[in-house]
Amino acid sequence: MKTLNTVRATRRERGLTQEALAALCLVSRQTIVSLEAGQHDPSLVLALRISEALGTSVHDVFRLNDEAGHRVL
């Protein structure tokens, strides 16, 4: 399964820098960079922090797709 996210797009829509989002989520800027690049998936706690910082739901920011690209969550 592959997790897709809209962190970068949503962050930009909200006018936040990677540094600002990282500070709101209590993580490093590099963590945000890695998430936006799809290099790793966030923990549940981090996904909740990001969603709260962006003013949206986890479901709107993160999607779980199966191998064929169909949305699972």
PDB file of N, CA and C in Angstrom:
ATOM      1  N   MET A   1       0.838  -1.177   0.000  1.00  0.00           N
ATOM      2  CA  MET A   1       0.000   0.000   0.000  1.00  0.00           C
ATOM      3  C   MET A   1       0.885   1.242   0.000  1.00  0.00           C
ATOM      4  N   LYS A   2       0.386   2.263  -0.619  1.00  0.00           N
ATOM      5  CA  LYS A   2       1.119   3.516  -0.764  1.00  0.00           C
ATOM      6  C   LYS A   2       0.315   4.648  -0.146  1.00  0.00           C
ATOM      7  N   THR A   3       0.964   5.443   0.699  1.00  0.00           N
ATOM      8  CA  THR A   3       0.314   6.610   1.281  1.00  0.00           C
ATOM      9  C   THR A   3       0.637   7.823   0.426  1.00  0.00           C
ATOM     10  N   LEU A   4      -0.384   8.501  -0.028  1.00  0.00           N
ATOM     11  CA  LEU A   4      -0.220   9.738  -0.787  1.00  0.00           C
ATOM     12  C   LEU A   4      -0.654  10.878   0.107  1.00  0.00           C
ATOM     13  N   ASN A   5      -0.038  12.034  -0.067  1.00  0.00           N
ATOM     14  CA  ASN A   5      -0.443  13.150   0.776  1.00  0.00           C
ATOM     15  C   ASN A   5      -0.451  14.458   0.004  1.00  0.00           C
ATOM     16  N   THR A   6      -1.188  15.394   0.547  1.00  0.00           N
ATOM     17  CA  THR A   6      -1.285  16.733  -0.040  1.00  0.00           C
ATOM     18  C   THR A   6      -0.679  17.773   0.898  1.00  0.00           C
ATOM     19  N   VAL A   7       0.301  17.345   1.698  1.00  0.00           N
ATOM     20  CA  VAL A   7       0.902  18.252   2.675  1.00  0.00           C
ATOM     21  C   VAL A   7       1.457  19.495   1.989  1.00  0.00           C
ATOM     22  N   ARG A   8       2.260  19.313   0.947  1.00  0.00           N
ATOM     23  CA  ARG A   8       2.886  20.461   0.277  1.00  0.00           C
ATOM     24  C   ARG A   8       1.833  21.424  -0.270  1.00  0.00           C
ATOM     25  N   ALA A   9       0.886  20.903  -1.014  1.00  0.00           N
ATOM     26  CA  ALA A   9      -0.134  21.762  -1.628  1.00  0.00           C
ATOM     27  C   ALA A   9      -0.971  22.474  -0.571  1.00  0.00           C
ATOM     28  N   THR A  10      -1.375  21.740   0.458  1.00  0.00           N
ATOM     29  CA  THR A  10      -2.199  22.343   1.507  1.00  0.00           C
ATOM     30  C   THR A  10      -1.398  23.367   2.298  1.00  0.00           C
ATOM     31  N   ARG A  11      -0.146  23.053   2.588  1.00  0.00           N
ATOM     32  CA  ARG A  11       0.720  23.993   3.304  1.00  0.00           C
ATOM     33  C   ARG A  11       0.859  25.292   2.522  1.00  0.00           C
ATOM     34  N   ARG A  12       1.085  25.175   1.231  1.00  0.00           N
ATOM     35  CA  ARG A  12       1.233  26.375   0.389  1.00  0.00           C
ATOM     36  C   ARG A  12      -0.064  27.172   0.321  1.00  0.00           C
ATOM     37  N   GLU A  13      -1.195  26.476   0.217  1.00  0.00           N
ATOM     38  CA  GLU A  13      -2.500  27.159   0.212  1.00  0.00           C
ATOM     39  C   GLU A  13      -2.699  27.978   1.476  1.00  0.00           C
ATOM     40  N   ARG A  14      -2.173  27.468   2.583  1.00  0.00           N
ATOM     41  CA  ARG A  14      -2.327  28.146   3.880  1.00  0.00           C
ATOM     42  C   ARG A  14      -1.258  29.217   4.103  1.00  0.00           C
ATOM     43  N   GLY A  15      -0.316  29.326   3.160  1.00  0.00           N
ATOM     44  CA  GLY A  15       0.728  30.340   3.272  1.00  0.00           C
ATOM     45  C   GLY A  15       1.787  30.030   4.315  1.00  0.00           C
ATOM     46  N   LEU A  16       1.989  28.748   4.590  1.00  0.00           N
ATOM     47  CA  LEU A  16       2.982  28.338   5.582  1.00  0.00           C
ATOM     48  C   LEU A  16       4.265  27.875   4.907  1.00  0.00           C
ATOM     49  N   THR A  17       5.394  28.176   5.531  1.00  0.00           N
ATOM     50  CA  THR A  17       6.670  27.627   5.077  1.00  0.00           C
ATOM     51  C   THR A  17       6.845  26.243   5.694  1.00  0.00           C
ATOM     52  N   GLN A  18       7.803  25.499   5.173  1.00  0.00           N
ATOM     53  CA  GLN A  18       8.112  24.202   5.775  1.00  0.00           C
ATOM     54  C   GLN A  18       8.564  24.391   7.221  1.00  0.00           C
ATOM     55  N   GLU A  19       9.334  25.438   7.464  1.00  0.00           N
ATOM     56  CA  GLU A  19       9.817  25.714   8.816  1.00  0.00           C
ATOM     57  C   GLU A  19       8.660  25.998   9.774  1.00  0.00           C
ATOM     58  N   ALA A  20       7.696  26.786   9.318  1.00  0.00           N
ATOM     59  CA  ALA A  20       6.550  27.131  10.166  1.00  0.00           C
ATOM     60  C   ALA A  20       5.710  25.895  10.474  1.00  0.00           C
ATOM     61  N   LEU A  21       5.457  25.075   9.464  1.00  0.00           N
ATOM     62  CA  LEU A  21       4.678  23.857   9.694  1.00  0.00           C
ATOM     63  C   LEU A  21       5.423  22.922  10.638  1.00  0.00           C
ATOM     64  N   ALA A  22       6.719  22.790  10.443  1.00  0.00           N
ATOM     65  CA  ALA A  22       7.523  21.943  11.322  1.00  0.00           C
ATOM     66  C   ALA A  22       7.424  22.414  12.768  1.00  0.00           C
ATOM     67  N   ALA A  23       7.514  23.714  12.981  1.00  0.00           N
ATOM     68  CA  ALA A  23       7.428  24.261  14.339  1.00  0.00           C
ATOM     69  C   ALA A  23       6.063  23.976  14.960  1.00  0.00           C
ATOM     70  N   LEU A  24       5.005  24.134  14.182  1.00  0.00           N
ATOM     71  CA  LEU A  24       3.658  23.858  14.687  1.00  0.00           C
ATOM     72  C   LEU A  24       3.471  22.384  15.047  1.00  0.00           C
ATOM     73  N   CYS A  25       4.181  21.520  14.335  1.00  0.00           N
ATOM     74  CA  CYS A  25       4.037  20.077  14.533  1.00  0.00           C
ATOM     75  C   CYS A  25       5.096  19.487  15.463  1.00  0.00           C
ATOM     76  N   LEU A  26       6.008  20.340  15.941  1.00  0.00           N
ATOM     77  CA  LEU A  26       7.069  19.907  16.858  1.00  0.00           C
ATOM     78  C   LEU A  26       8.004  18.878  16.231  1.00  0.00           C
ATOM     79  N   VAL A  27       8.337  19.088  14.949  1.00  0.00           N
ATOM     80  CA  VAL A  27       9.279  18.225  14.234  1.00  0.00           C
ATOM     81  C   VAL A  27      10.286  19.102  13.497  1.00  0.00           C
ATOM     82  N   SER A  28      11.274  18.479  12.889  1.00  0.00           N
ATOM     83  CA  SER A  28      12.265  19.230  12.123  1.00  0.00           C
ATOM     84  C   SER A  28      11.729  19.569  10.732  1.00  0.00           C
ATOM     85  N   ARG A  29      12.329  20.570  10.118  1.00  0.00           N
ATOM     86  CA  ARG A  29      11.984  20.920   8.741  1.00  0.00           C
ATOM     87  C   ARG A  29      12.241  19.719   7.830  1.00  0.00           C
ATOM     88  N   GLN A  30      13.316  18.971   8.095  1.00  0.00           N
ATOM     89  CA  GLN A  30      13.651  17.814   7.271  1.00  0.00           C
ATOM     90  C   GLN A  30      12.546  16.764   7.299  1.00  0.00           C
ATOM     91  N   THR A  31      11.865  16.624   8.414  1.00  0.00           N
ATOM     92  CA  THR A  31      10.738  15.690   8.498  1.00  0.00           C
ATOM     93  C   THR A  31       9.637  16.110   7.535  1.00  0.00           C
ATOM     94  N   ILE A  32       9.339  17.396   7.497  1.00  0.00           N
ATOM     95  CA  ILE A  32       8.316  17.906   6.574  1.00  0.00           C
ATOM     96  C   ILE A  32       8.769  17.706   5.134  1.00  0.00           C
ATOM     97  N   VAL A  33      10.039  17.982   4.851  1.00  0.00           N
ATOM     98  CA  VAL A  33      10.589  17.777   3.503  1.00  0.00           C
ATOM     99  C   VAL A  33      10.410  16.320   3.082  1.00  0.00           C
ATOM    100  N   SER A  34      10.757  15.389   3.954  1.00  0.00           N
ATOM    101  CA  SER A  34      10.644  13.957   3.649  1.00  0.00           C
ATOM    102  C   SER A  34       9.202  13.526   3.415  1.00  0.00           C
ATOM    103  N   LEU A  35       8.294  14.048   4.231  1.00  0.00           N
ATOM    104  CA  LEU A  35       6.876  13.728   4.047  1.00  0.00           C
ATOM    105  C   LEU A  35       6.364  14.256   2.718  1.00  0.00           C
ATOM    106  N   GLU A  36       6.700  15.503   2.415  1.00  0.00           N
ATOM    107  CA  GLU A  36       6.225  16.101   1.167  1.00  0.00           C
ATOM    108  C   GLU A  36       6.769  15.368  -0.053  1.00  0.00           C
ATOM    109  N   ALA A  37       7.969  14.827   0.068  1.00  0.00           N
ATOM    110  CA  ALA A  37       8.586  14.091  -1.041  1.00  0.00           C
ATOM    111  C   ALA A  37       8.100  12.647  -1.115  1.00  0.00           C
ATOM    112  N   GLY A  38       7.303  12.228  -0.137  1.00  0.00           N
ATOM    113  CA  GLY A  38       6.811  10.853  -0.125  1.00  0.00           C
ATOM    114  C   GLY A  38       7.864   9.845   0.277  1.00  0.00           C
ATOM    115  N   GLN A  39       8.922  10.303   0.950  1.00  0.00           N
ATOM    116  CA  GLN A  39      10.010   9.409   1.346  1.00  0.00           C
ATOM    117  C   GLN A  39       9.673   8.567   2.565  1.00  0.00           C
ATOM    118  N   HIS A  40       8.745   9.027   3.389  1.00  0.00           N
ATOM    119  CA  HIS A  40       8.278   8.206   4.505  1.00  0.00           C
ATOM    120  C   HIS A  40       6.871   8.621   4.904  1.00  0.00           C
ATOM    121  N   ASP A  41       6.216   7.729   5.613  1.00  0.00           N
ATOM    122  CA  ASP A  41       4.853   7.975   6.076  1.00  0.00           C
ATOM    123  C   ASP A  41       4.892   8.486   7.515  1.00  0.00           C
ATOM    124  N   PRO A  42       3.980   9.364   7.878  1.00  0.00           N
ATOM    125  CA  PRO A  42       3.970   9.894   9.238  1.00  0.00           C
ATOM    126  C   PRO A  42       3.361   8.901  10.228  1.00  0.00           C
ATOM    127  N   SER A  43       3.734   9.051  11.474  1.00  0.00           N
ATOM    128  CA  SER A  43       3.043   8.305  12.531  1.00  0.00           C
ATOM    129  C   SER A  43       1.629   8.871  12.628  1.00  0.00           C
ATOM    130  N   LEU A  44       0.769   8.174  13.321  1.00  0.00           N
ATOM    131  CA  LEU A  44      -0.593   8.667  13.509  1.00  0.00           C
ATOM    132  C   LEU A  44      -0.576  10.007  14.234  1.00  0.00           C
ATOM    133  N   VAL A  45       0.259  10.126  15.256  1.00  0.00           N
ATOM    134  CA  VAL A  45       0.349  11.379  16.013  1.00  0.00           C
ATOM    135  C   VAL A  45       0.787  12.522  15.106  1.00  0.00           C
ATOM    136  N   LEU A  46       1.799  12.286  14.275  1.00  0.00           N
ATOM    137  CA  LEU A  46       2.269  13.345  13.381  1.00  0.00           C
ATOM    138  C   LEU A  46       1.211  13.685  12.335  1.00  0.00           C
ATOM    139  N   ALA A  47       0.526  12.693  11.806  1.00  0.00           N
ATOM    140  CA  ALA A  47      -0.542  12.961  10.838  1.00  0.00           C
ATOM    141  C   ALA A  47      -1.618  13.842  11.458  1.00  0.00           C
ATOM    142  N   LEU A  48      -1.955  13.573  12.710  1.00  0.00           N
ATOM    143  CA  LEU A  48      -2.949  14.396  13.409  1.00  0.00           C
ATOM    144  C   LEU A  48      -2.431  15.816  13.639  1.00  0.00           C
ATOM    145  N   ARG A  49      -1.170  15.944  14.026  1.00  0.00           N
ATOM    146  CA  ARG A  49      -0.581  17.274  14.240  1.00  0.00           C
ATOM    147  C   ARG A  49      -0.570  18.083  12.950  1.00  0.00           C
ATOM    148  N   ILE A  50      -0.169  17.443  11.862  1.00  0.00           N
ATOM    149  CA  ILE A  50      -0.116  18.129  10.569  1.00  0.00           C
ATOM    150  C   ILE A  50      -1.512  18.580  10.160  1.00  0.00           C
ATOM    151  N   SER A  51      -2.466  17.688  10.258  1.00  0.00           N
ATOM    152  CA  SER A  51      -3.837  18.028   9.879  1.00  0.00           C
ATOM    153  C   SER A  51      -4.374  19.181  10.708  1.00  0.00           C
ATOM    154  N   GLU A  52      -4.113  19.149  12.009  1.00  0.00           N
ATOM    155  CA  GLU A  52      -4.567  20.228  12.881  1.00  0.00           C
ATOM    156  C   GLU A  52      -3.876  21.543  12.517  1.00  0.00           C
ATOM    157  N   ALA A  53      -2.575  21.500  12.279  1.00  0.00           N
ATOM    158  CA  ALA A  53      -1.827  22.707  11.925  1.00  0.00           C
ATOM    159  C   ALA A  53      -2.313  23.301  10.602  1.00  0.00           C
ATOM    160  N   LEU A  54      -2.754  22.429   9.690  1.00  0.00           N
ATOM    161  CA  LEU A  54      -3.234  22.883   8.386  1.00  0.00           C
ATOM    162  C   LEU A  54      -4.724  23.210   8.399  1.00  0.00           C
ATOM    163  N   GLY A  55      -5.379  22.946   9.518  1.00  0.00           N
ATOM    164  CA  GLY A  55      -6.801  23.265   9.639  1.00  0.00           C
ATOM    165  C   GLY A  55      -7.693  22.390   8.794  1.00  0.00           C
ATOM    166  N   THR A  56      -7.337  21.121   8.679  1.00  0.00           N
ATOM    167  CA  THR A  56      -8.112  20.193   7.867  1.00  0.00           C
ATOM    168  C   THR A  56      -8.122  18.820   8.532  1.00  0.00           C
ATOM    169  N   SER A  57      -8.748  17.855   7.898  1.00  0.00           N
ATOM    170  CA  SER A  57      -8.814  16.512   8.477  1.00  0.00           C
ATOM    171  C   SER A  57      -7.682  15.633   7.945  1.00  0.00           C
ATOM    172  N   VAL A  58      -7.365  14.603   8.703  1.00  0.00           N
ATOM    173  CA  VAL A  58      -6.355  13.637   8.266  1.00  0.00           C
ATOM    174  C   VAL A  58      -6.774  13.042   6.929  1.00  0.00           C
ATOM    175  N   HIS A  59      -8.047  12.754   6.789  1.00  0.00           N
ATOM    176  CA  HIS A  59      -8.575  12.150   5.564  1.00  0.00           C
ATOM    177  C   HIS A  59      -8.345  13.044   4.348  1.00  0.00           C
ATOM    178  N   ASP A  60      -8.375  14.358   4.543  1.00  0.00           N
ATOM    179  CA  ASP A  60      -8.153  15.281   3.428  1.00  0.00           C
ATOM    180  C   ASP A  60      -6.679  15.399   3.044  1.00  0.00           C
ATOM    181  N   VAL A  61      -5.788  15.142   3.990  1.00  0.00           N
ATOM    182  CA  VAL A  61      -4.355  15.323   3.737  1.00  0.00           C
ATOM    183  C   VAL A  61      -3.665  14.020   3.340  1.00  0.00           C
ATOM    184  N   PHE A  62      -4.100  12.896   3.904  1.00  0.00           N
ATOM    185  CA  PHE A  62      -3.442  11.613   3.657  1.00  0.00           C
ATOM    186  C   PHE A  62      -4.422  10.607   3.074  1.00  0.00           C
ATOM    187  N   ARG A  63      -3.959   9.866   2.052  1.00  0.00           N
ATOM    188  CA  ARG A  63      -4.771   8.838   1.401  1.00  0.00           C
ATOM    189  C   ARG A  63      -3.953   7.551   1.300  1.00  0.00           C
ATOM    190  N   LEU A  64      -4.596   6.438   1.540  1.00  0.00           N
ATOM    191  CA  LEU A  64      -3.952   5.143   1.416  1.00  0.00           C
ATOM    192  C   LEU A  64      -4.496   4.464   0.167  1.00  0.00           C
ATOM    193  N   ASN A  65      -3.592   4.135  -0.759  1.00  0.00           N
ATOM    194  CA  ASN A  65      -3.977   3.484  -2.010  1.00  0.00           C
ATOM    195  C   ASN A  65      -3.404   2.076  -2.063  1.00  0.00           C
ATOM    196  N   ASP A  66      -4.121   1.169  -2.739  1.00  0.00           N
ATOM    197  CA  ASP A  66      -3.592  -0.173  -2.920  1.00  0.00           C
ATOM    198  C   ASP A  66      -2.596  -0.170  -4.077  1.00  0.00           C
ATOM    199  N   GLU A  67      -2.068  -1.342  -4.392  1.00  0.00           N
ATOM    200  CA  GLU A  67      -1.039  -1.460  -5.433  1.00  0.00           C
ATOM    201  C   GLU A  67      -1.519  -0.970  -6.801  1.00  0.00           C
ATOM    202  N   ALA A  68      -2.814  -1.092  -7.068  1.00  0.00           N
ATOM    203  CA  ALA A  68      -3.364  -0.668  -8.355  1.00  0.00           C
ATOM    204  C   ALA A  68      -3.708   0.818  -8.376  1.00  0.00           C
ATOM    205  N   GLY A  69      -3.484   1.496  -7.249  1.00  0.00           N
ATOM    206  CA  GLY A  69      -3.768   2.923  -7.197  1.00  0.00           C
ATOM    207  C   GLY A  69      -5.167   3.277  -6.743  1.00  0.00           C
ATOM    208  N   HIS A  70      -5.936   2.278  -6.313  1.00  0.00           N
ATOM    209  CA  HIS A  70      -7.294   2.533  -5.833  1.00  0.00           C
ATOM    210  C   HIS A  70      -7.262   2.985  -4.379  1.00  0.00           C
ATOM    211  N   ARG A  71      -8.055   3.975  -4.072  1.00  0.00           N
ATOM    212  CA  ARG A  71      -8.088   4.514  -2.715  1.00  0.00           C
ATOM    213  C   ARG A  71      -8.665   3.492  -1.744  1.00  0.00           C
ATOM    214  N   VAL A  72      -7.933   3.243  -0.662  1.00  0.00           N
ATOM    215  CA  VAL A  72      -8.371   2.323   0.378  1.00  0.00           C
ATOM    216  C   VAL A  72      -8.946   3.124   1.536  1.00  0.00           C
ATOM    217  N   LEU A  73      -8.258   4.172   1.930  1.00  0.00           N
ATOM    218  CA  LEU A  73      -8.706   5.078   2.994  1.00  0.00           C
ATOM    219  C   LEU A  73      -8.657   6.496   2.494  1.00  0.00           C
TER     220      LEU A  73
END
